[in-house]
Amino acid sequence: MASSCLNLLVFSFLSVLLISNSQISESVNGVVFPVTRDVHTGQYIAKILLGDSSEPIKLVVDLSGPLLWFDCSSGHVSSSRSLVSGGSSGCLKAKAGNERVSRDGDCDLLVRNGAVGLTARGELAKDVLSFGSVSSPGTVDLLFACAPQWLLRGLASGAQGVMGLGRAQISLPSQLAAETNARRRLTLYLSPSNGVVSTSSVEDVFGVAASRSLVYTPLSTGVSGNYVINVKSIRVNGKKLSVDGPLSAELSTVVPYTMLESSLYAVFAEAYSKAVTKTKSVAPVAPFGLCFASGVDLPPVDLALQSEMVRWKIQGKNLMVDVGDGVRCLGIVDGGSSQVNAIIIGGLQLEGFILDFDLGNSMLGFGQRTPSTSDSLQPQAL
């Protein structure tokens, strides 16, 4: 009992600290996880409290991940953790979309590190997730996978696993919605130091004004459970590229920079180079293809969504990467010719935007949050 209370107090402290730093609404009723960016990998790290351990688990946020998994031997010890049997209802949920789930004995399944594309065998387990605040603490049983330590390869230093936020039945949003009978919702806000992952609504987390200022576009789900929107056209400095749309654009938190399929990138890079003819270009620094002398503003990039009137504007710090020695590079790169989706919108381009994944209605709301006020957004609707 004492350990459980300690868990709740520790997580409540983290939540209060997050709310203070981010000016998040203090009326949050749901589950809110603080998120920070790892400076070396560009990955985003969330902390959760699981079981009777007072030590938070650090997880890389994977928007497309089908489940939560971590290295259960990494020092996180919980007496309430237990393996899930192969014939249980939990195993049947995990089986959906997974090729290797055992029928007898423990529930084995494939676990994927989406950051580097590694896959390993894991064991389905369950424990108690602690959340809430001092005045309104809560717990819920959570399914996750125990994975081998080597699967952490490529993750940020100190990360013990991955928080999967995709559409699978045992992803974190799906499980919490099922347990609370709430509408399936996911609120995401990425920033270097005060980001948020929450299964509460934008209104609960950021306030009514923020919620009402979002612009919405249709949201679909890929085969792997990833989130995809359609891009009707791309503009560089206001000029439309000569590419055929619509183009599928996947949203990713494990890819640091937006990646374009090679043929699309070639058209984009040519147009962007022409748009910055007055700016001195310099030799590219991998993985970037376009680099320039520092001290100049790079032209904006607009993604027109379901119509030319609804645009996702990428500009300023969402475009530029400082690589040192007086050089800035464009944070949009060539993703190769084998990309399933023509566009993968990476973490740099998602930063500063409040994203509302309305999973029940298959819609994505987005708006750029201003630093000056807690509820003021700048929706990119023209």
Protein backbone atom coordinates (compact mmCIF):
# COMPACT_ATOMS: atom_id res chain seq x y z
CA MET A 1 0.00 0.00 0.00
CA ALA A 2 2.81 2.39 0.88
CA SER A 3 4.53 1.70 -2.47
CA SER A 4 1.30 2.38 -4.38
CA CYS A 5 0.82 5.69 -2.62
CA LEU A 6 4.41 6.63 -3.38
CA ASN A 7 3.83 5.83 -7.06
CA LEU A 8 0.84 8.16 -7.20
CA LEU A 9 2.65 10.95 -5.40
CA VAL A 10 5.69 10.72 -7.68
CA PHE A 11 3.58 10.77 -10.82
CA SER A 12 1.43 13.57 -9.42
CA PHE A 13 4.59 15.61 -8.83
CA LEU A 14 5.61 15.05 -12.45
CA SER A 15 2.14 16.05 -13.64
CA VAL A 16 2.06 19.22 -11.53
CA LEU A 17 5.55 20.15 -12.74
CA LEU A 18 4.43 19.62 -16.33
CA ILE A 19 1.31 21.73 -15.89
CA SER A 20 3.33 24.53 -14.32
CA ASN A 21 5.93 24.60 -17.09
CA SER A 22 3.48 24.26 -19.97
CA GLN A 23 0.60 26.40 -18.70
CA ILE A 24 -1.66 23.42 -19.27
CA SER A 25 -5.21 23.57 -17.97
CA GLU A 26 -5.33 22.54 -14.29
CA SER A 27 -8.69 20.83 -14.82
CA VAL A 28 -7.16 17.84 -16.60
CA ASN A 29 -9.18 14.74 -15.71
CA GLY A 30 -7.56 12.10 -17.86
CA VAL A 31 -4.13 10.61 -18.34
CA VAL A 32 -1.34 13.10 -19.13
CA PHE A 33 2.28 12.09 -19.72
CA PRO A 34 5.11 14.67 -19.78
CA VAL A 35 7.31 14.54 -22.89
CA THR A 36 10.78 15.92 -23.58
CA ARG A 37 13.05 15.73 -26.64
CA ASP A 38 16.38 13.92 -26.57
CA VAL A 39 18.93 16.31 -28.06
CA HIS A 40 21.12 13.59 -29.57
CA THR A 41 18.50 11.48 -31.38
CA GLY A 42 15.61 13.91 -31.79
CA GLN A 43 13.35 11.27 -30.21
CA TYR A 44 10.67 12.19 -27.69
CA ILE A 45 10.71 10.66 -24.22
CA ALA A 46 7.67 10.09 -21.98
CA LYS A 47 7.66 8.82 -18.40
CA ILE A 48 5.14 6.44 -16.87
CA LEU A 49 4.69 4.81 -13.47
CA LEU A 50 3.99 1.10 -13.68
CA GLY A 51 3.43 -1.39 -10.88
CA ASP A 52 4.67 -0.82 -7.34
CA SER A 53 8.00 0.68 -8.38
CA SER A 54 8.58 4.35 -7.55
CA GLU A 55 10.98 4.71 -10.48
CA PRO A 56 9.37 6.06 -13.69
CA ILE A 57 9.96 4.16 -16.92
CA LYS A 58 11.38 6.25 -19.77
CA LEU A 59 9.83 5.40 -23.13
CA VAL A 60 10.38 6.70 -26.66
CA VAL A 61 7.07 7.98 -28.04
CA ASP A 62 6.10 6.15 -31.24
CA LEU A 63 2.96 7.53 -32.84
CA SER A 64 2.67 4.43 -35.05
CA GLY A 65 3.61 1.85 -32.43
CA PRO A 66 1.03 -0.91 -31.85
CA LEU A 67 1.82 -1.39 -28.14
CA LEU A 68 3.86 -0.32 -25.16
CA TRP A 69 7.01 -2.39 -24.62
CA PHE A 70 10.17 -2.17 -22.56
CA ASP A 71 13.11 -4.14 -21.29
CA CYS A 72 11.64 -5.69 -18.14
CA SER A 73 15.13 -6.65 -16.96
CA SER A 74 16.40 -3.06 -17.06
CA GLY A 75 16.21 -2.60 -13.30
CA HIS A 76 12.50 -1.78 -13.15
CA VAL A 77 11.19 -4.31 -10.63
CA SER A 78 7.49 -4.68 -9.82
CA SER A 79 5.97 -7.43 -7.71
CA SER A 80 2.57 -6.87 -9.34
CA ARG A 81 3.81 -7.64 -12.86
CA SER A 82 2.63 -10.93 -14.37
CA LEU A 83 2.85 -12.67 -17.74
CA VAL A 84 -0.32 -13.11 -19.80
CA SER A 85 -1.35 -16.63 -20.82
CA GLY A 86 -1.69 -17.58 -24.45
CA GLY A 87 -5.40 -18.40 -24.15
CA SER A 88 -6.44 -15.18 -22.40
CA SER A 89 -8.58 -12.38 -23.81
CA GLY A 90 -5.57 -10.08 -23.54
CA CYS A 91 -3.58 -12.37 -25.79
CA LEU A 92 -6.43 -12.45 -28.30
CA LYS A 93 -6.38 -8.64 -28.43
CA ALA A 94 -2.63 -8.70 -28.99
CA LYS A 95 -3.06 -11.30 -31.71
CA ALA A 96 -4.95 -8.87 -33.94
CA GLY A 97 -2.47 -7.80 -36.60
CA ASN A 98 0.39 -9.79 -35.08
CA GLU A 99 1.73 -12.83 -36.89
CA ARG A 100 3.36 -14.60 -33.95
CA VAL A 101 1.16 -14.97 -30.90
CA SER A 102 1.25 -18.29 -29.06
CA ARG A 103 -1.88 -20.23 -28.22
CA ASP A 104 -0.49 -22.27 -25.35
CA GLY A 105 1.55 -21.15 -22.37
CA ASP A 106 2.71 -17.54 -22.30
CA CYS A 107 1.63 -15.06 -24.96
CA ASP A 108 4.55 -14.42 -27.31
CA LEU A 109 4.38 -11.73 -29.96
CA LEU A 110 6.55 -9.70 -32.31
CA VAL A 111 7.80 -6.43 -30.87
CA ARG A 112 9.15 -3.71 -33.16
CA ASN A 113 11.58 -0.88 -32.59
CA GLY A 114 10.18 1.56 -35.16
CA ALA A 115 13.08 3.98 -34.77
CA VAL A 116 15.55 1.60 -36.44
CA GLY A 117 13.29 -1.14 -37.85
CA LEU A 118 14.39 -3.95 -35.52
CA THR A 119 11.97 -6.71 -34.50
CA ALA A 120 12.21 -9.26 -31.69
CA ARG A 121 10.13 -11.79 -29.80
CA GLY A 122 8.45 -10.40 -26.68
CA GLU A 123 6.23 -11.71 -23.92
CA LEU A 124 2.87 -10.08 -23.19
CA ALA A 125 2.57 -8.98 -19.57
CA LYS A 126 0.31 -6.83 -17.42
CA ASP A 127 0.74 -4.46 -14.49
CA VAL A 128 -0.95 -1.45 -12.92
CA LEU A 129 -0.50 2.00 -14.48
CA SER A 130 -0.71 4.91 -12.03
CA PHE A 131 -1.93 8.30 -13.23
CA GLY A 132 -3.88 11.39 -12.22
CA SER A 133 -3.19 14.02 -9.59
CA VAL A 134 -2.99 14.26 -5.81
CA SER A 135 -6.67 15.19 -5.63
CA SER A 136 -7.76 12.66 -8.22
CA PRO A 137 -5.41 9.66 -8.40
CA GLY A 138 -6.18 6.64 -10.55
CA THR A 139 -4.90 3.26 -11.64
CA VAL A 140 -5.68 0.94 -14.51
CA ASP A 141 -4.48 -2.50 -15.59
CA LEU A 142 -2.22 -2.21 -18.61
CA LEU A 143 -1.01 -4.77 -21.14
CA PHE A 144 2.53 -4.38 -22.50
CA ALA A 145 5.37 -6.51 -23.83
CA CYS A 146 8.63 -7.46 -22.17
CA ALA A 147 11.33 -7.30 -24.86
CA PRO A 148 15.04 -8.22 -24.91
CA GLN A 149 17.59 -5.59 -23.99
CA TRP A 150 19.21 -5.53 -27.43
CA LEU A 151 15.96 -4.21 -28.96
CA LEU A 152 16.75 -0.86 -27.31
CA ARG A 153 19.42 -0.33 -29.97
CA GLY A 154 19.05 3.08 -31.62
CA LEU A 155 16.82 4.51 -28.89
CA ALA A 156 17.74 7.58 -26.87
CA SER A 157 20.18 7.07 -24.01
CA GLY A 158 18.29 6.04 -20.89
CA ALA A 159 15.18 4.95 -22.77
CA GLN A 160 13.89 1.58 -21.57
CA GLY A 161 11.38 0.92 -24.34
CA VAL A 162 8.67 2.41 -26.54
CA MET A 163 5.23 3.93 -25.90
CA GLY A 164 3.08 2.82 -28.84
CA LEU A 165 0.24 5.22 -29.72
CA GLY A 166 -1.06 3.56 -32.90
CA ARG A 167 -4.50 2.12 -33.68
CA ALA A 168 -3.88 -1.47 -32.49
CA GLN A 169 -6.16 -2.92 -29.81
CA ILE A 170 -3.41 -2.92 -27.19
CA SER A 171 -1.86 0.45 -27.98
CA LEU A 172 -1.91 2.85 -25.04
CA PRO A 173 -4.82 5.04 -26.30
CA SER A 174 -6.92 1.98 -27.19
CA GLN A 175 -6.44 0.34 -23.79
CA LEU A 176 -7.17 3.49 -21.79
CA ALA A 177 -10.27 4.26 -23.85
CA ALA A 178 -11.56 0.72 -23.31
CA GLU A 179 -10.93 0.87 -19.57
CA THR A 180 -12.61 4.24 -19.05
CA ASN A 181 -15.33 3.87 -21.70
CA ALA A 182 -14.21 7.27 -22.98
CA ARG A 183 -14.21 8.48 -26.55
CA ARG A 184 -11.03 7.36 -28.33
CA ARG A 185 -8.87 10.44 -28.31
CA LEU A 186 -5.20 11.30 -28.38
CA THR A 187 -3.74 14.75 -27.76
CA LEU A 188 -0.13 15.31 -28.75
CA TYR A 189 2.06 18.36 -28.28
CA LEU A 190 5.79 18.07 -28.98
CA SER A 191 8.43 20.50 -27.78
CA PRO A 192 12.04 20.25 -26.60
CA SER A 193 11.19 20.44 -22.89
CA ASN A 194 7.46 20.57 -22.11
CA GLY A 195 5.61 18.28 -24.50
CA VAL A 196 2.45 16.32 -23.75
CA VAL A 197 0.92 12.97 -24.61
CA SER A 198 -2.61 12.63 -23.30
CA THR A 199 -5.70 10.52 -23.81
CA SER A 200 -7.76 13.51 -22.68
CA SER A 201 -9.27 15.97 -25.13
CA VAL A 202 -7.51 19.15 -26.22
CA GLU A 203 -10.12 21.12 -24.28
CA ASP A 204 -9.26 19.27 -21.07
CA VAL A 205 -5.52 19.71 -21.54
CA PHE A 206 -5.14 23.16 -23.15
CA GLY A 207 -8.48 24.84 -22.61
CA VAL A 208 -11.62 25.70 -24.57
CA ALA A 209 -10.06 28.41 -26.73
CA ALA A 210 -7.34 26.06 -27.92
CA SER A 211 -9.85 23.36 -28.78
CA ARG A 212 -12.09 25.71 -30.76
CA SER A 213 -9.17 27.11 -32.75
CA LEU A 214 -8.06 23.81 -34.27
CA VAL A 215 -8.47 23.08 -37.97
CA TYR A 216 -9.52 19.54 -38.88
CA THR A 217 -8.63 17.25 -41.76
CA PRO A 218 -9.60 13.61 -42.47
CA LEU A 219 -7.40 11.01 -40.80
CA SER A 220 -6.86 7.47 -42.04
CA THR A 221 -4.97 4.48 -40.70
CA GLY A 222 -2.27 2.59 -42.56
CA VAL A 223 -1.82 -1.18 -42.53
CA SER A 224 0.65 -0.95 -39.65
CA GLY A 225 -1.66 1.25 -37.57
CA ASN A 226 0.10 4.49 -38.43
CA TYR A 227 -1.75 7.79 -38.88
CA VAL A 228 -2.02 9.20 -42.40
CA ILE A 229 -3.45 12.39 -43.90
CA ASN A 230 -3.79 13.36 -47.56
CA VAL A 231 -1.82 16.24 -49.04
CA LYS A 232 -3.48 17.74 -52.11
CA SER A 233 -0.51 19.91 -53.09
CA ILE A 234 2.79 21.35 -51.86
CA ARG A 235 3.82 24.98 -52.15
CA VAL A 236 7.27 26.46 -51.68
CA ASN A 237 7.21 30.18 -50.93
CA GLY A 238 3.65 30.27 -52.27
CA LYS A 239 4.37 28.49 -55.57
CA LYS A 240 2.74 25.11 -56.15
CA LEU A 241 4.98 22.19 -57.08
CA SER A 242 4.30 20.26 -60.27
CA VAL A 243 3.39 16.97 -58.60
CA ASP A 244 0.26 14.88 -58.86
CA GLY A 245 -1.82 14.64 -55.68
CA PRO A 246 -3.20 13.59 -53.38
CA LEU A 247 -0.09 12.40 -51.61
CA SER A 248 -0.23 10.21 -48.50
CA ALA A 249 1.54 11.81 -45.53
CA GLU A 250 2.32 9.74 -42.44
CA LEU A 251 2.86 11.47 -39.09
CA SER A 252 5.85 10.13 -37.17
CA THR A 253 7.48 10.87 -33.82
CA VAL A 254 10.45 8.52 -34.35
CA VAL A 255 11.60 10.18 -37.57
CA PRO A 256 13.32 13.46 -36.64
CA TYR A 257 12.87 15.24 -40.00
CA THR A 258 10.26 15.13 -42.74
CA MET A 259 11.19 12.64 -45.45
CA LEU A 260 10.00 12.81 -49.04
CA GLU A 261 10.06 9.90 -51.47
CA SER A 262 13.03 10.37 -53.81
CA SER A 263 11.17 11.44 -56.96
CA LEU A 264 9.09 13.92 -54.94
CA TYR A 265 12.18 15.20 -53.14
CA ALA A 266 13.92 15.89 -56.45
CA VAL A 267 11.07 18.17 -57.55
CA PHE A 268 10.88 19.78 -54.12
CA ALA A 269 14.64 20.38 -53.83
CA GLU A 270 14.80 22.02 -57.26
CA ALA A 271 11.92 24.34 -56.41
CA TYR A 272 13.35 25.19 -53.02
CA SER A 273 16.77 25.98 -54.43
CA LYS A 274 15.17 28.40 -56.90
CA ALA A 275 13.19 30.02 -54.08
CA VAL A 276 16.38 30.86 -52.18
CA THR A 277 18.52 32.06 -55.07
CA LYS A 278 19.51 35.18 -53.12
CA THR A 279 20.73 33.09 -50.20
CA LYS A 280 24.20 31.60 -50.22
CA SER A 281 24.03 27.82 -50.33
CA VAL A 282 26.83 25.70 -48.89
CA ALA A 283 27.93 22.09 -49.16
CA PRO A 284 25.22 19.78 -47.75
CA VAL A 285 25.76 18.11 -44.39
CA ALA A 286 24.33 14.58 -44.15
CA PRO A 287 21.51 13.67 -43.91
CA PHE A 288 20.41 17.04 -45.29
CA GLY A 289 20.41 17.83 -48.98
CA LEU A 290 20.06 21.62 -48.81
CA CYS A 291 22.18 23.78 -46.51
CA PHE A 292 22.72 27.54 -46.30
CA ALA A 293 24.69 30.14 -44.43
CA SER A 294 23.18 31.01 -41.05
CA GLY A 295 21.38 34.26 -40.41
CA VAL A 296 18.85 33.96 -43.22
CA ASP A 297 15.17 33.04 -43.18
CA LEU A 298 14.19 30.04 -45.26
CA PRO A 299 11.03 30.23 -47.40
CA PRO A 300 7.92 28.55 -45.93
CA VAL A 301 6.47 25.26 -47.13
CA ASP A 302 2.69 24.81 -47.30
CA LEU A 303 0.90 21.47 -47.39
CA ALA A 304 -2.62 21.88 -48.77
CA LEU A 305 -4.82 19.20 -47.23
CA GLN A 306 -8.41 18.33 -48.16
CA SER A 307 -8.65 21.62 -50.07
CA GLU A 308 -6.34 24.42 -51.13
CA MET A 309 -7.94 26.55 -48.40
CA VAL A 310 -6.72 24.34 -45.54
CA ARG A 311 -2.96 24.36 -45.23
CA TRP A 312 -0.34 23.10 -42.83
CA LYS A 313 2.29 25.82 -42.89
CA ILE A 314 5.88 24.82 -42.09
CA GLN A 315 8.16 27.77 -41.43
CA GLY A 316 10.80 29.27 -39.15
CA LYS A 317 12.23 26.91 -36.55
CA ASN A 318 10.10 24.02 -37.94
CA LEU A 319 12.26 24.16 -41.09
CA MET A 320 15.79 24.89 -39.93
CA VAL A 321 18.44 22.71 -38.33
CA ASP A 322 21.59 24.41 -37.03
CA VAL A 323 24.50 22.07 -37.80
CA GLY A 324 27.20 24.41 -36.53
CA ASP A 325 30.01 26.39 -38.18
CA GLY A 326 27.55 29.05 -39.32
CA VAL A 327 25.47 26.60 -41.35
CA ARG A 328 21.74 25.90 -41.27
CA CYS A 329 20.14 23.04 -43.18
CA LEU A 330 16.62 22.47 -44.39
CA GLY A 331 15.01 19.84 -42.15
CA ILE A 332 13.30 18.06 -45.05
CA VAL A 333 15.28 15.17 -46.51
CA ASP A 334 15.32 12.51 -49.21
CA GLY A 335 13.67 9.40 -47.75
CA GLY A 336 14.60 7.07 -50.60
CA SER A 337 12.48 5.31 -53.20
CA SER A 338 11.00 2.60 -50.96
CA GLN A 339 8.81 4.75 -48.71
CA VAL A 340 5.26 3.39 -48.44
CA ASN A 341 3.89 6.93 -48.11
CA ALA A 342 5.19 9.76 -50.27
CA ILE A 343 5.63 11.99 -47.21
CA ILE A 344 6.61 11.20 -43.63
CA ILE A 345 6.14 14.28 -41.47
CA GLY A 346 8.84 14.11 -38.79
CA GLY A 347 9.17 15.43 -35.27
CA LEU A 348 10.78 18.77 -36.14
CA GLN A 349 7.80 19.72 -38.28
CA LEU A 350 5.30 18.55 -35.62
CA GLU A 351 6.86 20.60 -32.83
CA GLY A 352 4.80 23.52 -31.56
CA PHE A 353 1.54 22.14 -32.97
CA ILE A 354 -1.27 20.85 -30.81
CA LEU A 355 -2.57 17.71 -32.51
CA ASP A 356 -5.98 16.24 -31.76
CA PHE A 357 -6.35 12.67 -32.99
CA ASP A 358 -10.12 12.20 -32.91
CA LEU A 359 -10.00 8.46 -33.50
CA GLY A 360 -13.75 7.94 -33.17
CA ASN A 361 -14.47 10.32 -36.04
CA SER A 362 -11.23 9.68 -37.99
CA MET A 363 -10.24 13.35 -37.97
CA LEU A 364 -7.01 15.17 -37.11
CA GLY A 365 -7.15 18.63 -35.59
CA PHE A 366 -4.07 20.85 -35.67
CA GLY A 367 -3.08 24.35 -34.65
CA GLN A 368 0.17 26.07 -33.77
CA ARG A 369 0.46 27.13 -30.16
CA THR A 370 1.90 30.55 -29.39
CA PRO A 371 4.38 30.81 -26.50
CA SER A 372 2.77 33.90 -25.01
CA THR A 373 -0.54 32.43 -23.84
CA SER A 374 -1.81 29.04 -22.75
CA ASP A 375 -4.84 28.81 -25.03
CA SER A 376 -3.88 30.97 -28.02
CA LEU A 377 -3.39 29.02 -31.25
CA GLN A 378 -2.65 30.00 -34.81
CA PRO A 379 -4.63 27.57 -36.99
CA GLN A 380 -3.27 27.32 -40.49
CA ALA A 381 -6.52 27.78 -42.41
CA LEU A 382 -6.45 30.30 -45.24
